[in-house]
Amino acid sequence: MIILRSLRTSLVFLLVPLGLQAAPPAPAPSAPLTLDEAVQAGLRHFPTVRGSRARVEGAGAALAEARSDWFPQLELRASASRNQEPVAVYPIHGFGPGEFPPFDRTVFQGGAYLNFLVFDGGGRGARVAGARDRVQAADAALRNSESELVAQIASKFLEVLSRREALEAHDRRLAALTAERDRARQFVDAGRAARVEGLRAEAALAEAQARRVQLAGDLAGSERDLTGLTGILQDRTRAANLVPVAEADTALAPDDSLVVMAFAANPQVREADRRLAAARSMAGAAKAARLPRIELTGGYQGWSDPDGNSSDEWNAALRLTQTLFTGGEVTGRIHRTRAEAGQAEEDLRLARITTRRAVLQAADRVREADARVRSLEAAVDRYDEVARIESLSQEAGTGIQTDYLNAEADLLNARAGLSEARRAAAVARVELARLTGALTPEWLSEHLRTQP
């Protein structure tokens, strides 16, 4: 083993001066990236979703705070005071010989105090209901943030795949144009074709090469966008690593059914509905301030001084409070909460109007995209056959070069259009699912299945 290692070291030293040293190992290829993995990474990474989760936690804490009014409040208090003149160490409960308390400049006091709200005109229940509605509104906002992000990631994922396919189709055209240029050169050199055919082939090839730079730049931009949405390193979001997906179901429900689904499950509509419920609850809580409050209070307290004199006692009371005049504070709060409830009601109406319009437009886009896919599939088949025939004619020397170049350009445009139409159809279906409240990672896995 030692001899082999020495021989290998000597061989390296001999090869280095000759420039024959071994090349560094190629980097390991990145693991394939599926749409589901990209979505899950984005849901963990993107700020809109993380911020919505924080708001849900805050709303849950506010609900717990509101519910605390249903429980008694218990607290401990302690104090030590120093006075200029001696004061009674503990209260005087009677008068008579020997019944006066001691006096001291330093007094210690402590106790346990309990307070329980028995009745406040329904304000407590209204505040709890409003806090609960705000939690549900925050949940709906989180659901909306998640579905919007899922739709963006799916759209960008499909865009990368579509642009990769367009670039691959363009590379096939480049190969065909390169072959045509070489063929034209041979014919020109042999005197069997005019020089203009060679120039025409070179011009078409140069134009296609410039177009490829633009397509590659567009693809690189989409890859960077996918990285930004998911937080995944760009080495894995490159087009070559993405696992292709295809629509598994093209059925579309009637428009009326889609609108009903959206009104029931659309996150924005649900959020507006819950905000309206919360606003109405807060209006009820504001009106409760005009009713009396009944509280049960009690305490156990003690007093002492540095000399050891001490006393303790308990007390309990039922306290009623009726607000008579606040300078317009209660009335202003009632009017403000009513106005907020009215605004929330109009927000809900607007959410339903905009959602209905968006659902119908999305359904139209799905139908339009599906029809375009079917048309372009037929066009690609026909253009492919035309290009094949023109290529054979060129090889046989009976075809016209311009016809062949035009056929290749038409085939490329049809393939690029078909790729974009398929992407648009899938994106339109994803958007429709988002608007109807059906879009989840599970929905994506079911309707955009990984291709083998």
Foldseek 3Di string as FASTA:
>chain_A
DVVVVVVVVVVQVVCVVVVNHDDDDDDDADAFDELLNLLVLLCVDPPQLVVLVVQLVVLVVQLVVLVCLQDKDKDKDKDKAFAPDWDFQDDQPDDDPPRGGDTDRIKIKMWMKIKHWDDLQCLSVLSSLLSVLQSQLSVLSSLLSSLVLSLVLLLLLLVLLLLVQLLVLLVVLLVVLVVQLVVVVVCVVVVNDDVVSNVVSVVLNVVSVVVSVVSVVVSLVSLVVSCVSRVDDSSNSRSVRYFAWAFPDLDDDDLVVLLVLLCVAQSQLSSLVSNLSSLVSQLSSLVSLQPKIKMKMKMKMKMAGPVGRMDIDMDIDIDIDGDDDDPCPSVVSNVVSVVSSVVSVVSSVVLSVVLSVQLVVLVVQLVVLVVQLVVLVVQLVVLVVQLVVQVVCVVVVNHDSVSNSVSSVSNSVSSSSNSVSSSSNVSSVSVSCNSSNNDDSVVCCVGTPGDD
